[in-house]
């Protein structure tokens, strides 16, 4: 199971509450912040929901 780095690149202002909660669940609090997660199906699903707000790369 690999690791991925998720970086927030766009603001969550004027986004639906579900997307804001997904970013918070991923551990992202602001633009430019990067977190590292295991590439599990749960995490990949959350990233897919907010893929327009984040960038993803393999760690």
C-alpha atoms as a PDB file:
ATOM      1  CA  UNK A   1       0.000   0.000   0.000  1.00  0.00           C
ATOM      2  CA  UNK A   2       1.599   3.240  -1.173  1.00  0.00           C
ATOM      3  CA  UNK A   3       1.520   6.708   0.251  1.00  0.00           C
ATOM      4  CA  UNK A   4       0.216   9.876  -1.348  1.00  0.00           C
ATOM      5  CA  UNK A   5       0.831  13.554  -0.646  1.00  0.00           C
ATOM      6  CA  UNK A   6      -2.269  15.729  -0.832  1.00  0.00           C
ATOM      7  CA  UNK A   7      -1.827  19.511  -1.126  1.00  0.00           C
ATOM      8  CA  UNK A   8      -4.672  22.019  -1.011  1.00  0.00           C
ATOM      9  CA  UNK A   9      -4.330  24.386  -3.978  1.00  0.00           C
ATOM     10  CA  UNK A  10      -7.715  26.167  -4.013  1.00  0.00           C
ATOM     11  CA  UNK A  11      -9.878  27.746  -1.339  1.00  0.00           C
ATOM     12  CA  UNK A  12     -12.915  26.067   0.178  1.00  0.00           C
ATOM     13  CA  UNK A  13     -14.810  29.365   0.383  1.00  0.00           C
ATOM     14  CA  UNK A  14     -18.200  29.164  -1.374  1.00  0.00           C
ATOM     15  CA  UNK A  15     -17.982  25.368  -1.528  1.00  0.00           C
ATOM     16  CA  UNK A  16     -20.654  22.958  -0.281  1.00  0.00           C
ATOM     17  CA  UNK A  17     -20.396  21.975   3.375  1.00  0.00           C
ATOM     18  CA  UNK A  18     -19.660  18.353   2.420  1.00  0.00           C
ATOM     19  CA  UNK A  19     -16.521  19.417   0.540  1.00  0.00           C
ATOM     20  CA  UNK A  20     -15.385  21.563   3.469  1.00  0.00           C
ATOM     21  CA  UNK A  21     -15.816  18.598   5.808  1.00  0.00           C
ATOM     22  CA  UNK A  22     -13.916  16.318   3.433  1.00  0.00           C
ATOM     23  CA  UNK A  23     -10.949  18.707   3.386  1.00  0.00           C
ATOM     24  CA  UNK A  24     -11.049  18.869   7.170  1.00  0.00           C
ATOM     25  CA  UNK A  25     -11.197  15.060   7.398  1.00  0.00           C
ATOM     26  CA  UNK A  26      -8.116  14.865   5.178  1.00  0.00           C
ATOM     27  CA  UNK A  27      -6.344  17.211   7.615  1.00  0.00           C
ATOM     28  CA  UNK A  28      -6.171  20.223   5.293  1.00  0.00           C
ATOM     29  CA  UNK A  29      -6.743  23.631   6.862  1.00  0.00           C
ATOM     30  CA  UNK A  30      -5.526  26.063   4.229  1.00  0.00           C
ATOM     31  CA  UNK A  31      -4.053  26.658   0.815  1.00  0.00           C
ATOM     32  CA  UNK A  32      -0.525  25.315   0.484  1.00  0.00           C
ATOM     33  CA  UNK A  33      -0.815  22.804   3.314  1.00  0.00           C
ATOM     34  CA  UNK A  34       0.357  19.279   2.508  1.00  0.00           C
ATOM     35  CA  UNK A  35      -0.553  16.055   4.297  1.00  0.00           C
ATOM     36  CA  UNK A  36       0.565  12.489   3.704  1.00  0.00           C
ATOM     37  CA  UNK A  37      -1.829   9.530   3.779  1.00  0.00           C
ATOM     38  CA  UNK A  38      -1.808   5.846   2.927  1.00  0.00           C
ATOM     39  CA  UNK A  39      -3.455   5.218  -0.444  1.00  0.00           C
ATOM     40  CA  UNK A  40      -6.463   3.333   0.927  1.00  0.00           C
ATOM     41  CA  UNK A  41      -9.797   3.210  -0.910  1.00  0.00           C
ATOM     42  CA  UNK A  42     -11.326   5.501   1.753  1.00  0.00           C
ATOM     43  CA  UNK A  43      -8.686   8.198   1.321  1.00  0.00           C
ATOM     44  CA  UNK A  44      -8.722   7.932  -2.470  1.00  0.00           C
ATOM     45  CA  UNK A  45     -12.510   8.359  -2.428  1.00  0.00           C
ATOM     46  CA  UNK A  46     -12.229  11.511  -0.314  1.00  0.00           C
ATOM     47  CA  UNK A  47      -9.565  12.888  -2.657  1.00  0.00           C
ATOM     48  CA  UNK A  48     -11.834  12.162  -5.646  1.00  0.00           C
ATOM     49  CA  UNK A  49     -14.622  14.255  -4.069  1.00  0.00           C
ATOM     50  CA  UNK A  50     -12.385  17.320  -3.784  1.00  0.00           C
ATOM     51  CA  UNK A  51      -9.985  16.711  -6.684  1.00  0.00           C
ATOM     52  CA  UNK A  52     -10.707  20.208  -8.037  1.00  0.00           C
ATOM     53  CA  UNK A  53      -9.368  21.738  -4.790  1.00  0.00           C
ATOM     54  CA  UNK A  54      -6.254  19.612  -4.244  1.00  0.00           C
ATOM     55  CA  UNK A  55      -3.236  18.219  -6.048  1.00  0.00           C
ATOM     56  CA  UNK A  56      -2.035  14.668  -5.426  1.00  0.00           C
ATOM     57  CA  UNK A  57       1.364  13.051  -5.900  1.00  0.00           C
ATOM     58  CA  UNK A  58       2.917   9.775  -4.797  1.00  0.00           C
ATOM     59  CA  UNK A  59       5.136  10.002  -1.765  1.00  0.00           C
END
